[in-house]
């Protein structure tokens, strides 16, 4: 009986904690809104999200926060599932594991995937300073003579990915704060 009386209070405390940890994640990722060196920063980005991805489901489990709050929580959980640890996504780490360049894959979308293969961040970092490029495709070499594959993928894939995901995160945090 006493448990039922405290249930609304626990729900408020949990929701408040979720808001606080998402605000902290957003603050810690503030650099992501204008990230020029995504290949070097992508692991930090995923690490920050993964920490919350590990923690949030355990906090939220079993609570229904009410319609508007629940919609915001669902958006947050979808964001965390897509951008946290995900065996089908870029971040291949296990729960509570530190995100490393060897465990993050850069998956290039179509049509670039026809000429640029999926590689780990480590593979891209190792080739970052190679002059003139490591493009396997002759057309890309010809059109981007001063850029190697790492810089090209960073500029066209990774940096926009980080900025886009940070913008989405900011929208979700704002929504959570306003509930």
C-alpha atoms as a PDB file:
ATOM      1  CA  UNK A   1       0.000   0.000   0.000  1.00  0.00           C
ATOM      2  CA  UNK A   2       2.789   2.408   0.891  1.00  0.00           C
ATOM      3  CA  UNK A   3       4.439   1.630  -2.467  1.00  0.00           C
ATOM      4  CA  UNK A   4       1.431   3.011  -4.376  1.00  0.00           C
ATOM      5  CA  UNK A   5       1.565   6.318  -2.499  1.00  0.00           C
ATOM      6  CA  UNK A   6       5.202   6.806  -3.416  1.00  0.00           C
ATOM      7  CA  UNK A   7       4.805   5.734  -7.067  1.00  0.00           C
ATOM      8  CA  UNK A   8       3.986   9.248  -8.451  1.00  0.00           C
ATOM      9  CA  UNK A   9       6.891  10.686  -6.478  1.00  0.00           C
ATOM     10  CA  UNK A  10       9.299   8.034  -7.824  1.00  0.00           C
ATOM     11  CA  UNK A  11       8.045   8.698 -11.345  1.00  0.00           C
ATOM     12  CA  UNK A  12       8.766  12.439 -10.960  1.00  0.00           C
ATOM     13  CA  UNK A  13      12.211  11.737  -9.534  1.00  0.00           C
ATOM     14  CA  UNK A  14      13.055   9.335 -12.379  1.00  0.00           C
ATOM     15  CA  UNK A  15      11.809  11.744 -15.046  1.00  0.00           C
ATOM     16  CA  UNK A  16      13.804  14.577 -13.447  1.00  0.00           C
ATOM     17  CA  UNK A  17      16.911  12.373 -13.422  1.00  0.00           C
ATOM     18  CA  UNK A  18      16.416  11.501 -17.108  1.00  0.00           C
ATOM     19  CA  UNK A  19      16.160  15.213 -17.934  1.00  0.00           C
ATOM     20  CA  UNK A  20      19.364  15.920 -15.980  1.00  0.00           C
ATOM     21  CA  UNK A  21      21.416  13.158 -17.600  1.00  0.00           C
ATOM     22  CA  UNK A  22      20.250  14.157 -21.088  1.00  0.00           C
ATOM     23  CA  UNK A  23      21.084  17.811 -20.370  1.00  0.00           C
ATOM     24  CA  UNK A  24      24.548  16.748 -19.220  1.00  0.00           C
ATOM     25  CA  UNK A  25      24.995  14.661 -22.377  1.00  0.00           C
ATOM     26  CA  UNK A  26      23.960  17.651 -24.489  1.00  0.00           C
ATOM     27  CA  UNK A  27      26.408  19.969 -22.648  1.00  0.00           C
ATOM     28  CA  UNK A  28      29.237  17.444 -22.978  1.00  0.00           C
ATOM     29  CA  UNK A  29      28.562  17.201 -26.718  1.00  0.00           C
ATOM     30  CA  UNK A  30      28.247  20.942 -27.325  1.00  0.00           C
ATOM     31  CA  UNK A  31      31.331  20.797 -29.571  1.00  0.00           C
ATOM     32  CA  UNK A  32      29.311  18.567 -31.953  1.00  0.00           C
ATOM     33  CA  UNK A  33      27.184  21.409 -33.312  1.00  0.00           C
ATOM     34  CA  UNK A  34      30.177  22.533 -35.389  1.00  0.00           C
ATOM     35  CA  UNK A  35      32.561  19.606 -35.632  1.00  0.00           C
ATOM     36  CA  UNK A  36      35.315  19.930 -38.267  1.00  0.00           C
ATOM     37  CA  UNK A  37      37.304  16.853 -37.134  1.00  0.00           C
ATOM     38  CA  UNK A  38      34.680  14.149 -36.848  1.00  0.00           C
ATOM     39  CA  UNK A  39      36.965  11.181 -37.477  1.00  0.00           C
ATOM     40  CA  UNK A  40      38.921  12.116 -34.352  1.00  0.00           C
ATOM     41  CA  UNK A  41      35.815  12.950 -32.295  1.00  0.00           C
ATOM     42  CA  UNK A  42      33.284  10.281 -33.327  1.00  0.00           C
ATOM     43  CA  UNK A  43      34.342   7.881 -30.559  1.00  0.00           C
ATOM     44  CA  UNK A  44      33.890  10.630 -27.941  1.00  0.00           C
ATOM     45  CA  UNK A  45      30.470  11.317 -29.426  1.00  0.00           C
ATOM     46  CA  UNK A  46      29.399   7.677 -29.206  1.00  0.00           C
ATOM     47  CA  UNK A  47      30.943   7.243 -25.741  1.00  0.00           C
ATOM     48  CA  UNK A  48      28.853  10.076 -24.328  1.00  0.00           C
ATOM     49  CA  UNK A  49      25.664   8.692 -25.872  1.00  0.00           C
ATOM     50  CA  UNK A  50      26.540   5.120 -24.821  1.00  0.00           C
ATOM     51  CA  UNK A  51      26.855   6.101 -21.168  1.00  0.00           C
ATOM     52  CA  UNK A  52      23.285   7.394 -21.213  1.00  0.00           C
ATOM     53  CA  UNK A  53      22.167   4.428 -23.335  1.00  0.00           C
ATOM     54  CA  UNK A  54      23.482   2.086 -20.631  1.00  0.00           C
ATOM     55  CA  UNK A  55      21.850   4.019 -17.785  1.00  0.00           C
ATOM     56  CA  UNK A  56      18.496   5.304 -19.085  1.00  0.00           C
ATOM     57  CA  UNK A  57      16.607   2.047 -19.814  1.00  0.00           C
ATOM     58  CA  UNK A  58      17.207   0.820 -16.263  1.00  0.00           C
ATOM     59  CA  UNK A  59      15.821   4.081 -14.847  1.00  0.00           C
ATOM     60  CA  UNK A  60      12.807   4.192 -17.155  1.00  0.00           C
ATOM     61  CA  UNK A  61      11.908   0.500 -16.976  1.00  0.00           C
ATOM     62  CA  UNK A  62       8.349  -0.042 -15.817  1.00  0.00           C
ATOM     63  CA  UNK A  63       7.240   3.588 -15.711  1.00  0.00           C
ATOM     64  CA  UNK A  64       4.520   5.183 -17.787  1.00  0.00           C
ATOM     65  CA  UNK A  65       5.123   8.902 -17.504  1.00  0.00           C
ATOM     66  CA  UNK A  66       1.877  10.002 -19.107  1.00  0.00           C
ATOM     67  CA  UNK A  67       1.161  10.855 -22.700  1.00  0.00           C
ATOM     68  CA  UNK A  68       3.408  13.862 -23.474  1.00  0.00           C
ATOM     69  CA  UNK A  69       6.298  12.788 -21.287  1.00  0.00           C
ATOM     70  CA  UNK A  70       6.077   9.239 -22.593  1.00  0.00           C
ATOM     71  CA  UNK A  71       6.303  10.475 -26.196  1.00  0.00           C
ATOM     72  CA  UNK A  72       9.460  12.435 -25.304  1.00  0.00           C
ATOM     73  CA  UNK A  73      10.930   9.444 -23.468  1.00  0.00           C
ATOM     74  CA  UNK A  74      10.168   7.253 -26.491  1.00  0.00           C
ATOM     75  CA  UNK A  75      12.001   9.700 -28.772  1.00  0.00           C
ATOM     76  CA  UNK A  76      14.972   9.666 -26.410  1.00  0.00           C
ATOM     77  CA  UNK A  77      15.032   5.865 -26.287  1.00  0.00           C
ATOM     78  CA  UNK A  78      14.856   5.622 -30.077  1.00  0.00           C
ATOM     79  CA  UNK A  79      17.738   8.116 -30.341  1.00  0.00           C
ATOM     80  CA  UNK A  80      19.804   6.118 -27.829  1.00  0.00           C
ATOM     81  CA  UNK A  81      19.071   2.799 -29.541  1.00  0.00           C
ATOM     82  CA  UNK A  82      20.078   4.179 -32.943  1.00  0.00           C
ATOM     83  CA  UNK A  83      23.121   6.150 -31.791  1.00  0.00           C
ATOM     84  CA  UNK A  84      24.281   4.355 -28.681  1.00  0.00           C
ATOM     85  CA  UNK A  85      25.435   0.767 -28.712  1.00  0.00           C
ATOM     86  CA  UNK A  86      23.938  -0.936 -31.725  1.00  0.00           C
ATOM     87  CA  UNK A  87      25.297  -4.068 -33.386  1.00  0.00           C
ATOM     88  CA  UNK A  88      23.658  -2.973 -36.657  1.00  0.00           C
ATOM     89  CA  UNK A  89      24.870   0.619 -36.396  1.00  0.00           C
ATOM     90  CA  UNK A  90      28.241   2.317 -36.262  1.00  0.00           C
ATOM     91  CA  UNK A  91      29.016   1.757 -32.564  1.00  0.00           C
ATOM     92  CA  UNK A  92      29.685  -1.955 -32.042  1.00  0.00           C
ATOM     93  CA  UNK A  93      30.596  -1.843 -28.344  1.00  0.00           C
ATOM     94  CA  UNK A  94      28.915  -3.880 -25.624  1.00  0.00           C
ATOM     95  CA  UNK A  95      27.146  -2.425 -22.610  1.00  0.00           C
ATOM     96  CA  UNK A  96      29.512  -0.496 -20.296  1.00  0.00           C
ATOM     97  CA  UNK A  97      32.416  -1.014 -22.735  1.00  0.00           C
ATOM     98  CA  UNK A  98      34.561   2.002 -23.660  1.00  0.00           C
ATOM     99  CA  UNK A  99      34.083   3.141 -27.242  1.00  0.00           C
ATOM    100  CA  UNK A 100      37.323   2.749 -29.206  1.00  0.00           C
ATOM    101  CA  UNK A 101      38.310   3.450 -32.839  1.00  0.00           C
ATOM    102  CA  UNK A 102      38.515  -0.295 -33.439  1.00  0.00           C
ATOM    103  CA  UNK A 103      34.859  -0.781 -32.422  1.00  0.00           C
ATOM    104  CA  UNK A 104      33.285   2.018 -34.481  1.00  0.00           C
ATOM    105  CA  UNK A 105      32.519   1.453 -38.150  1.00  0.00           C
ATOM    106  CA  UNK A 106      31.940   4.298 -40.574  1.00  0.00           C
ATOM    107  CA  UNK A 107      29.133   3.093 -42.808  1.00  0.00           C
ATOM    108  CA  UNK A 108      28.985   5.077 -46.019  1.00  0.00           C
ATOM    109  CA  UNK A 109      25.535   5.394 -47.613  1.00  0.00           C
ATOM    110  CA  UNK A 110      24.607   4.985 -51.251  1.00  0.00           C
ATOM    111  CA  UNK A 111      25.890   6.027 -53.777  1.00  0.00           C
ATOM    112  CA  UNK A 112      29.297   6.468 -52.097  1.00  0.00           C
ATOM    113  CA  UNK A 113      29.166   2.904 -50.797  1.00  0.00           C
ATOM    114  CA  UNK A 114      29.806   1.787 -54.387  1.00  0.00           C
ATOM    115  CA  UNK A 115      33.350   3.183 -54.205  1.00  0.00           C
ATOM    116  CA  UNK A 116      34.103   3.533 -50.483  1.00  0.00           C
ATOM    117  CA  UNK A 117      33.919   0.483 -48.239  1.00  0.00           C
ATOM    118  CA  UNK A 118      32.897   0.336 -44.598  1.00  0.00           C
ATOM    119  CA  UNK A 119      35.976   0.780 -42.402  1.00  0.00           C
ATOM    120  CA  UNK A 120      36.712   1.220 -38.727  1.00  0.00           C
ATOM    121  CA  UNK A 121      37.596   4.626 -37.345  1.00  0.00           C
ATOM    122  CA  UNK A 122      41.063   3.168 -36.630  1.00  0.00           C
ATOM    123  CA  UNK A 123      41.564   2.407 -40.340  1.00  0.00           C
ATOM    124  CA  UNK A 124      40.578   5.964 -41.252  1.00  0.00           C
ATOM    125  CA  UNK A 125      42.767   7.495 -38.530  1.00  0.00           C
ATOM    126  CA  UNK A 126      45.761   5.436 -39.678  1.00  0.00           C
ATOM    127  CA  UNK A 127      45.384   6.846 -43.218  1.00  0.00           C
ATOM    128  CA  UNK A 128      44.469  10.419 -42.232  1.00  0.00           C
ATOM    129  CA  UNK A 129      47.897  11.872 -42.984  1.00  0.00           C
ATOM    130  CA  UNK A 130      48.537   9.993 -46.229  1.00  0.00           C
ATOM    131  CA  UNK A 131      49.088  12.673 -48.879  1.00  0.00           C
ATOM    132  CA  UNK A 132      47.221  12.601 -52.151  1.00  0.00           C
ATOM    133  CA  UNK A 133      44.706  10.078 -51.069  1.00  0.00           C
ATOM    134  CA  UNK A 134      44.069   6.466 -50.542  1.00  0.00           C
ATOM    135  CA  UNK A 135      41.066   6.369 -52.846  1.00  0.00           C
ATOM    136  CA  UNK A 136      40.656   3.048 -54.539  1.00  0.00           C
ATOM    137  CA  UNK A 137      38.388   4.672 -57.125  1.00  0.00           C
ATOM    138  CA  UNK A 138      40.160   6.517 -59.968  1.00  0.00           C
ATOM    139  CA  UNK A 139      37.315   8.999 -60.504  1.00  0.00           C
ATOM    140  CA  UNK A 140      37.472  10.119 -56.865  1.00  0.00           C
ATOM    141  CA  UNK A 141      41.255  10.428 -57.095  1.00  0.00           C
ATOM    142  CA  UNK A 142      40.897  12.572 -60.183  1.00  0.00           C
ATOM    143  CA  UNK A 143      38.213  14.869 -58.737  1.00  0.00           C
ATOM    144  CA  UNK A 144      39.766  15.169 -55.277  1.00  0.00           C
ATOM    145  CA  UNK A 145      43.555  15.159 -55.846  1.00  0.00           C
ATOM    146  CA  UNK A 146      44.370  17.045 -52.627  1.00  0.00           C
ATOM    147  CA  UNK A 147      42.095  15.024 -50.407  1.00  0.00           C
ATOM    148  CA  UNK A 148      42.519  11.487 -49.167  1.00  0.00           C
ATOM    149  CA  UNK A 149      39.651   9.116 -48.455  1.00  0.00           C
ATOM    150  CA  UNK A 150      39.708   9.877 -44.726  1.00  0.00           C
ATOM    151  CA  UNK A 151      39.269  13.613 -45.262  1.00  0.00           C
ATOM    152  CA  UNK A 152      36.610  13.004 -47.892  1.00  0.00           C
ATOM    153  CA  UNK A 153      34.566  10.667 -45.666  1.00  0.00           C
ATOM    154  CA  UNK A 154      35.039  12.974 -42.692  1.00  0.00           C
ATOM    155  CA  UNK A 155      33.801  15.992 -44.662  1.00  0.00           C
ATOM    156  CA  UNK A 156      30.883  14.324 -46.447  1.00  0.00           C
ATOM    157  CA  UNK A 157      29.766  11.628 -44.005  1.00  0.00           C
ATOM    158  CA  UNK A 158      31.060  11.876 -40.435  1.00  0.00           C
ATOM    159  CA  UNK A 159      30.898  15.632 -39.750  1.00  0.00           C
ATOM    160  CA  UNK A 160      27.337  15.985 -41.100  1.00  0.00           C
ATOM    161  CA  UNK A 161      26.316  12.833 -39.187  1.00  0.00           C
ATOM    162  CA  UNK A 162      27.585  14.268 -35.894  1.00  0.00           C
ATOM    163  CA  UNK A 163      25.966  17.684 -36.477  1.00  0.00           C
ATOM    164  CA  UNK A 164      22.648  16.119 -37.524  1.00  0.00           C
ATOM    165  CA  UNK A 165      22.539  13.768 -34.531  1.00  0.00           C
ATOM    166  CA  UNK A 166      23.464  16.573 -32.116  1.00  0.00           C
ATOM    167  CA  UNK A 167      20.659  18.723 -33.506  1.00  0.00           C
ATOM    168  CA  UNK A 168      18.198  15.859 -32.999  1.00  0.00           C
ATOM    169  CA  UNK A 169      19.493  15.317 -29.464  1.00  0.00           C
ATOM    170  CA  UNK A 170      19.042  19.030 -28.710  1.00  0.00           C
ATOM    171  CA  UNK A 171      15.440  18.884 -29.904  1.00  0.00           C
ATOM    172  CA  UNK A 172      14.735  15.881 -27.697  1.00  0.00           C
ATOM    173  CA  UNK A 173      16.361  17.512 -24.648  1.00  0.00           C
ATOM    174  CA  UNK A 174      14.338  20.676 -25.226  1.00  0.00           C
ATOM    175  CA  UNK A 175      11.165  18.607 -25.443  1.00  0.00           C
ATOM    176  CA  UNK A 176      12.024  16.761 -22.223  1.00  0.00           C
ATOM    177  CA  UNK A 177      12.721  20.045 -20.421  1.00  0.00           C
ATOM    178  CA  UNK A 178       9.380  21.490 -21.497  1.00  0.00           C
ATOM    179  CA  UNK A 179       7.379  18.561 -20.093  1.00  0.00           C
END
